[in-house]
Amino acid sequence: MINYNGKIFKPFSNSDNGETSHETVFHYQQEGNILTAQYSGGKIVTGHLIGLVDEKGNIEMRYHQVNDKGELMTGMCSSKPEVLENGKIRLHETWQWNSGDHSKGNSIIEEQ
């Protein structure tokens, strides 16, 4: 299992309907297979996520955040890890809003 504890991630790319950007910073914590993170930056004032990590490092998570319009947004995300040549982790994410327009998207975030 990949251990994400103490790792910092930033978005590399995101669908147009997403709110994360290159200014968003995710601070991951992991205990056992339970993953949590706090994040903010860009359009996101503050956000939190909670998820479960499987034996291959895949993450099933739920997130909630307050954006710069003062809206509370929620969603779910599945992340698949890729270990880069330099040893850093890239997460390929498929997500969907549970609020707003319930649209779907894809994003990539990379360990800093």
N, C-alpha and C. Protein backbone atom coordinates (compact mmCIF):
# COMPACT_ATOMS: atom_id res chain seq x y z
N MET A 1 0.85 -1.19 0.00
CA MET A 1 0.00 0.00 0.00
C MET A 1 0.89 1.24 0.00
N ILE A 2 0.54 2.20 -0.80
CA ILE A 2 1.22 3.49 -0.80
C ILE A 2 0.79 4.25 0.45
N ASN A 3 1.75 4.86 1.13
CA ASN A 3 1.42 5.68 2.29
C ASN A 3 1.54 7.14 1.88
N TYR A 4 0.43 7.86 1.95
CA TYR A 4 0.36 9.25 1.53
C TYR A 4 0.63 10.23 2.68
N ASN A 5 0.91 9.70 3.87
CA ASN A 5 1.05 10.55 5.04
C ASN A 5 2.15 11.60 4.87
N GLY A 6 1.79 12.87 5.11
CA GLY A 6 2.74 13.97 5.05
C GLY A 6 3.05 14.48 3.65
N LYS A 7 2.43 13.90 2.63
CA LYS A 7 2.71 14.31 1.26
C LYS A 7 1.88 15.54 0.88
N ILE A 8 2.44 16.37 0.02
CA ILE A 8 1.78 17.58 -0.47
C ILE A 8 1.58 17.42 -1.98
N PHE A 9 0.36 17.71 -2.44
CA PHE A 9 0.03 17.59 -3.85
C PHE A 9 -0.50 18.92 -4.38
N LYS A 10 -0.24 19.15 -5.68
CA LYS A 10 -0.80 20.32 -6.38
C LYS A 10 -1.37 19.83 -7.70
N PRO A 11 -2.46 20.46 -8.16
CA PRO A 11 -3.05 20.07 -9.44
C PRO A 11 -2.11 20.33 -10.62
N PHE A 12 -2.10 19.37 -11.53
CA PHE A 12 -1.38 19.49 -12.80
C PHE A 12 -2.37 19.86 -13.90
N SER A 13 -3.57 19.27 -13.85
CA SER A 13 -4.63 19.58 -14.81
C SER A 13 -5.98 19.29 -14.18
N ASN A 14 -7.04 19.91 -14.74
CA ASN A 14 -8.39 19.70 -14.23
C ASN A 14 -9.39 20.03 -15.33
N SER A 15 -10.54 19.39 -15.29
CA SER A 15 -11.63 19.71 -16.20
C SER A 15 -12.11 21.13 -15.94
N ASP A 16 -12.70 21.76 -16.95
CA ASP A 16 -13.15 23.15 -16.83
C ASP A 16 -14.19 23.35 -15.73
N ASN A 17 -14.98 22.31 -15.41
CA ASN A 17 -16.03 22.43 -14.41
C ASN A 17 -15.50 22.19 -12.99
N GLY A 18 -14.20 21.99 -12.82
CA GLY A 18 -13.61 21.81 -11.50
C GLY A 18 -13.20 23.14 -10.89
N GLU A 19 -12.92 23.14 -9.60
CA GLU A 19 -12.53 24.37 -8.90
C GLU A 19 -11.06 24.40 -8.49
N THR A 20 -10.36 23.27 -8.54
CA THR A 20 -8.95 23.30 -8.20
C THR A 20 -8.14 23.89 -9.35
N SER A 21 -7.01 24.47 -9.00
CA SER A 21 -6.12 25.08 -9.98
C SER A 21 -4.68 24.89 -9.50
N HIS A 22 -3.75 25.44 -10.25
CA HIS A 22 -2.33 25.33 -9.88
C HIS A 22 -2.03 26.00 -8.54
N GLU A 23 -2.95 26.87 -8.06
CA GLU A 23 -2.75 27.53 -6.76
C GLU A 23 -3.24 26.68 -5.58
N THR A 24 -3.98 25.61 -5.86
CA THR A 24 -4.53 24.77 -4.79
C THR A 24 -3.45 23.84 -4.26
N VAL A 25 -3.36 23.74 -2.93
CA VAL A 25 -2.38 22.86 -2.29
C VAL A 25 -3.11 21.91 -1.36
N PHE A 26 -2.82 20.60 -1.52
CA PHE A 26 -3.41 19.54 -0.71
C PHE A 26 -2.37 19.01 0.27
N HIS A 27 -2.72 18.92 1.55
CA HIS A 27 -1.84 18.37 2.58
C HIS A 27 -2.46 17.06 3.06
N TYR A 28 -1.87 15.94 2.64
CA TYR A 28 -2.40 14.61 2.93
C TYR A 28 -1.88 14.07 4.26
N GLN A 29 -2.76 13.37 4.95
CA GLN A 29 -2.42 12.63 6.18
C GLN A 29 -3.03 11.23 6.04
N GLN A 30 -2.34 10.22 6.52
CA GLN A 30 -2.87 8.86 6.43
C GLN A 30 -2.54 8.09 7.70
N GLU A 31 -3.54 7.38 8.20
CA GLU A 31 -3.38 6.50 9.35
C GLU A 31 -4.03 5.18 8.99
N GLY A 32 -3.23 4.11 8.88
CA GLY A 32 -3.76 2.84 8.38
C GLY A 32 -4.19 3.06 6.93
N ASN A 33 -5.41 2.66 6.61
CA ASN A 33 -5.90 2.88 5.24
C ASN A 33 -6.82 4.10 5.14
N ILE A 34 -6.89 4.91 6.21
CA ILE A 34 -7.75 6.10 6.22
C ILE A 34 -6.93 7.33 5.84
N LEU A 35 -7.38 8.00 4.79
CA LEU A 35 -6.71 9.18 4.28
C LEU A 35 -7.56 10.42 4.55
N THR A 36 -6.92 11.50 4.99
CA THR A 36 -7.59 12.79 5.12
C THR A 36 -6.69 13.85 4.51
N ALA A 37 -7.27 14.97 4.15
CA ALA A 37 -6.46 16.08 3.65
C ALA A 37 -7.20 17.38 3.88
N GLN A 38 -6.42 18.43 4.05
CA GLN A 38 -6.92 19.80 4.05
C GLN A 38 -6.34 20.45 2.81
N TYR A 39 -7.12 21.33 2.19
CA TYR A 39 -6.64 22.00 0.99
C TYR A 39 -7.27 23.37 0.85
N SER A 40 -6.56 24.24 0.13
CA SER A 40 -7.04 25.60 -0.15
C SER A 40 -6.18 26.18 -1.26
N GLY A 41 -6.64 27.31 -1.79
CA GLY A 41 -5.89 28.02 -2.82
C GLY A 41 -6.69 28.20 -4.08
N GLY A 42 -6.45 29.29 -4.77
CA GLY A 42 -7.20 29.60 -5.98
C GLY A 42 -8.64 29.90 -5.63
N LYS A 43 -9.57 29.24 -6.28
CA LYS A 43 -11.00 29.45 -6.05
C LYS A 43 -11.49 28.82 -4.75
N ILE A 44 -10.64 28.02 -4.08
CA ILE A 44 -11.07 27.30 -2.89
C ILE A 44 -10.56 27.99 -1.64
N VAL A 45 -11.50 28.45 -0.80
CA VAL A 45 -11.13 29.10 0.45
C VAL A 45 -10.63 28.05 1.43
N THR A 46 -11.37 26.95 1.58
CA THR A 46 -10.96 25.84 2.43
C THR A 46 -11.69 24.58 1.99
N GLY A 47 -11.01 23.46 2.14
CA GLY A 47 -11.62 22.18 1.80
C GLY A 47 -11.02 21.04 2.59
N HIS A 48 -11.78 19.96 2.68
CA HIS A 48 -11.34 18.76 3.38
C HIS A 48 -11.77 17.55 2.57
N LEU A 49 -11.00 16.48 2.68
CA LEU A 49 -11.41 15.22 2.08
C LEU A 49 -11.13 14.09 3.04
N ILE A 50 -11.87 12.99 2.86
CA ILE A 50 -11.64 11.77 3.60
C ILE A 50 -11.80 10.62 2.64
N GLY A 51 -10.92 9.63 2.77
CA GLY A 51 -10.96 8.52 1.84
C GLY A 51 -10.36 7.26 2.41
N LEU A 52 -10.49 6.21 1.63
CA LEU A 52 -9.91 4.91 1.95
C LEU A 52 -8.91 4.54 0.87
N VAL A 53 -7.75 4.04 1.30
CA VAL A 53 -6.68 3.64 0.39
C VAL A 53 -6.65 2.11 0.33
N ASP A 54 -6.64 1.55 -0.90
CA ASP A 54 -6.56 0.09 -1.00
C ASP A 54 -5.11 -0.37 -1.11
N GLU A 55 -4.90 -1.67 -1.25
CA GLU A 55 -3.54 -2.24 -1.26
C GLU A 55 -2.71 -1.78 -2.45
N LYS A 56 -3.33 -1.29 -3.51
CA LYS A 56 -2.59 -0.79 -4.69
C LYS A 56 -2.38 0.72 -4.65
N GLY A 57 -2.87 1.37 -3.59
CA GLY A 57 -2.73 2.81 -3.46
C GLY A 57 -3.87 3.61 -4.07
N ASN A 58 -4.89 2.91 -4.61
CA ASN A 58 -6.07 3.60 -5.14
C ASN A 58 -6.83 4.22 -3.98
N ILE A 59 -7.44 5.37 -4.24
CA ILE A 59 -8.17 6.11 -3.19
C ILE A 59 -9.62 6.31 -3.62
N GLU A 60 -10.54 5.97 -2.74
CA GLU A 60 -11.96 6.33 -2.88
C GLU A 60 -12.22 7.40 -1.84
N MET A 61 -12.66 8.59 -2.28
CA MET A 61 -12.79 9.68 -1.31
C MET A 61 -14.06 10.49 -1.52
N ARG A 62 -14.38 11.25 -0.50
CA ARG A 62 -15.44 12.25 -0.54
C ARG A 62 -14.82 13.57 -0.11
N TYR A 63 -15.30 14.66 -0.69
CA TYR A 63 -14.73 15.97 -0.35
C TYR A 63 -15.81 17.02 -0.19
N HIS A 64 -15.48 18.04 0.59
CA HIS A 64 -16.34 19.22 0.72
C HIS A 64 -15.44 20.44 0.79
N GLN A 65 -15.93 21.53 0.22
CA GLN A 65 -15.12 22.74 0.17
C GLN A 65 -16.02 23.96 0.08
N VAL A 66 -15.47 25.09 0.50
CA VAL A 66 -16.14 26.39 0.35
C VAL A 66 -15.33 27.15 -0.69
N ASN A 67 -16.01 27.62 -1.75
CA ASN A 67 -15.31 28.34 -2.81
C ASN A 67 -15.33 29.85 -2.56
N ASP A 68 -14.69 30.59 -3.45
CA ASP A 68 -14.57 32.04 -3.28
C ASP A 68 -15.88 32.79 -3.51
N LYS A 69 -16.95 32.07 -3.90
CA LYS A 69 -18.29 32.65 -4.01
C LYS A 69 -19.09 32.43 -2.74
N GLY A 70 -18.48 31.74 -1.75
CA GLY A 70 -19.16 31.43 -0.51
C GLY A 70 -20.07 30.22 -0.60
N GLU A 71 -19.91 29.40 -1.65
CA GLU A 71 -20.75 28.22 -1.83
C GLU A 71 -20.09 27.00 -1.20
N LEU A 72 -20.90 26.15 -0.58
CA LEU A 72 -20.44 24.86 -0.06
C LEU A 72 -20.63 23.83 -1.15
N MET A 73 -19.53 23.23 -1.60
CA MET A 73 -19.56 22.26 -2.68
C MET A 73 -19.10 20.90 -2.15
N THR A 74 -19.74 19.82 -2.62
CA THR A 74 -19.39 18.47 -2.19
C THR A 74 -19.26 17.56 -3.40
N GLY A 75 -18.49 16.50 -3.22
CA GLY A 75 -18.32 15.56 -4.32
C GLY A 75 -17.62 14.29 -3.90
N MET A 76 -17.43 13.41 -4.89
CA MET A 76 -16.74 12.15 -4.67
C MET A 76 -15.69 11.97 -5.76
N CYS A 77 -14.64 11.20 -5.44
CA CYS A 77 -13.51 11.09 -6.35
C CYS A 77 -12.85 9.72 -6.20
N SER A 78 -12.41 9.17 -7.32
CA SER A 78 -11.58 7.96 -7.34
C SER A 78 -10.23 8.35 -7.91
N SER A 79 -9.15 7.98 -7.21
CA SER A 79 -7.80 8.33 -7.64
C SER A 79 -6.97 7.07 -7.84
N LYS A 80 -6.21 7.04 -8.94
CA LYS A 80 -5.30 5.94 -9.22
C LYS A 80 -3.88 6.49 -9.28
N PRO A 81 -2.96 5.90 -8.50
CA PRO A 81 -1.60 6.42 -8.45
C PRO A 81 -0.72 5.95 -9.61
N GLU A 82 0.20 6.82 -9.97
CA GLU A 82 1.28 6.49 -10.90
C GLU A 82 2.56 6.98 -10.23
N VAL A 83 3.55 6.10 -10.08
CA VAL A 83 4.83 6.50 -9.49
C VAL A 83 5.73 6.94 -10.63
N LEU A 84 6.16 8.19 -10.57
CA LEU A 84 7.00 8.77 -11.63
C LEU A 84 8.45 8.31 -11.49
N GLU A 85 9.23 8.54 -12.52
CA GLU A 85 10.65 8.14 -12.52
C GLU A 85 11.42 8.74 -11.35
N ASN A 86 11.03 9.94 -10.92
CA ASN A 86 11.72 10.59 -9.80
C ASN A 86 11.22 10.13 -8.44
N GLY A 87 10.29 9.14 -8.43
CA GLY A 87 9.77 8.59 -7.18
C GLY A 87 8.54 9.32 -6.65
N LYS A 88 8.21 10.46 -7.24
CA LYS A 88 7.01 11.21 -6.81
C LYS A 88 5.75 10.53 -7.34
N ILE A 89 4.62 10.84 -6.71
CA ILE A 89 3.35 10.22 -7.06
C ILE A 89 2.50 11.19 -7.87
N ARG A 90 1.91 10.68 -8.93
CA ARG A 90 0.92 11.41 -9.73
C ARG A 90 -0.40 10.67 -9.56
N LEU A 91 -1.46 11.40 -9.20
CA LEU A 91 -2.78 10.79 -9.02
C LEU A 91 -3.69 11.18 -10.18
N HIS A 92 -4.24 10.16 -10.85
CA HIS A 92 -5.19 10.34 -11.94
C HIS A 92 -6.58 10.20 -11.33
N GLU A 93 -7.36 11.28 -11.39
CA GLU A 93 -8.62 11.35 -10.65
C GLU A 93 -9.83 11.46 -11.57
N THR A 94 -10.87 10.73 -11.20
CA THR A 94 -12.18 10.83 -11.83
C THR A 94 -13.13 11.26 -10.72
N TRP A 95 -13.85 12.37 -10.93
CA TRP A 95 -14.66 12.92 -9.84
C TRP A 95 -16.04 13.34 -10.35
N GLN A 96 -16.93 13.55 -9.38
CA GLN A 96 -18.27 14.04 -9.68
C GLN A 96 -18.76 14.90 -8.53
N TRP A 97 -19.38 16.03 -8.89
CA TRP A 97 -20.01 16.88 -7.88
C TRP A 97 -21.27 16.19 -7.36
N ASN A 98 -21.46 16.25 -6.04
CA ASN A 98 -22.73 15.83 -5.42
C ASN A 98 -23.62 17.04 -5.18
N SER A 99 -23.11 18.22 -5.48
CA SER A 99 -23.85 19.48 -5.34
C SER A 99 -23.77 20.20 -6.68
N GLY A 100 -24.41 21.35 -6.76
CA GLY A 100 -24.37 22.12 -8.00
C GLY A 100 -25.00 21.35 -9.15
N ASP A 101 -24.28 21.27 -10.26
CA ASP A 101 -24.84 20.63 -11.46
C ASP A 101 -24.60 19.12 -11.55
N HIS A 102 -23.95 18.54 -10.54
CA HIS A 102 -23.68 17.09 -10.48
C HIS A 102 -22.85 16.61 -11.67
N SER A 103 -22.09 17.50 -12.28
CA SER A 103 -21.28 17.13 -13.44
C SER A 103 -20.06 16.31 -13.00
N LYS A 104 -19.43 15.68 -13.99
CA LYS A 104 -18.25 14.85 -13.77
C LYS A 104 -17.03 15.51 -14.37
N GLY A 105 -15.85 15.06 -13.93
CA GLY A 105 -14.62 15.60 -14.50
C GLY A 105 -13.44 14.69 -14.22
N ASN A 106 -12.30 15.10 -14.74
CA ASN A 106 -11.03 14.38 -14.54
C ASN A 106 -9.97 15.40 -14.15
N SER A 107 -9.07 14.97 -13.29
CA SER A 107 -7.97 15.83 -12.90
C SER A 107 -6.74 14.99 -12.64
N ILE A 108 -5.60 15.65 -12.63
CA ILE A 108 -4.34 15.03 -12.27
C ILE A 108 -3.68 15.93 -11.24
N ILE A 109 -3.25 15.32 -10.13
CA ILE A 109 -2.49 16.08 -9.13
C ILE A 109 -1.16 15.37 -8.94
N GLU A 110 -0.13 16.17 -8.61
CA GLU A 110 1.20 15.62 -8.47
C GLU A 110 1.83 15.99 -7.14
N GLU A 111 2.58 15.02 -6.59
CA GLU A 111 3.30 15.24 -5.34
C GLU A 111 4.37 16.31 -5.55
N GLN A 112 4.50 17.19 -4.57
CA GLN A 112 5.49 18.27 -4.64
C GLN A 112 6.77 17.89 -3.93
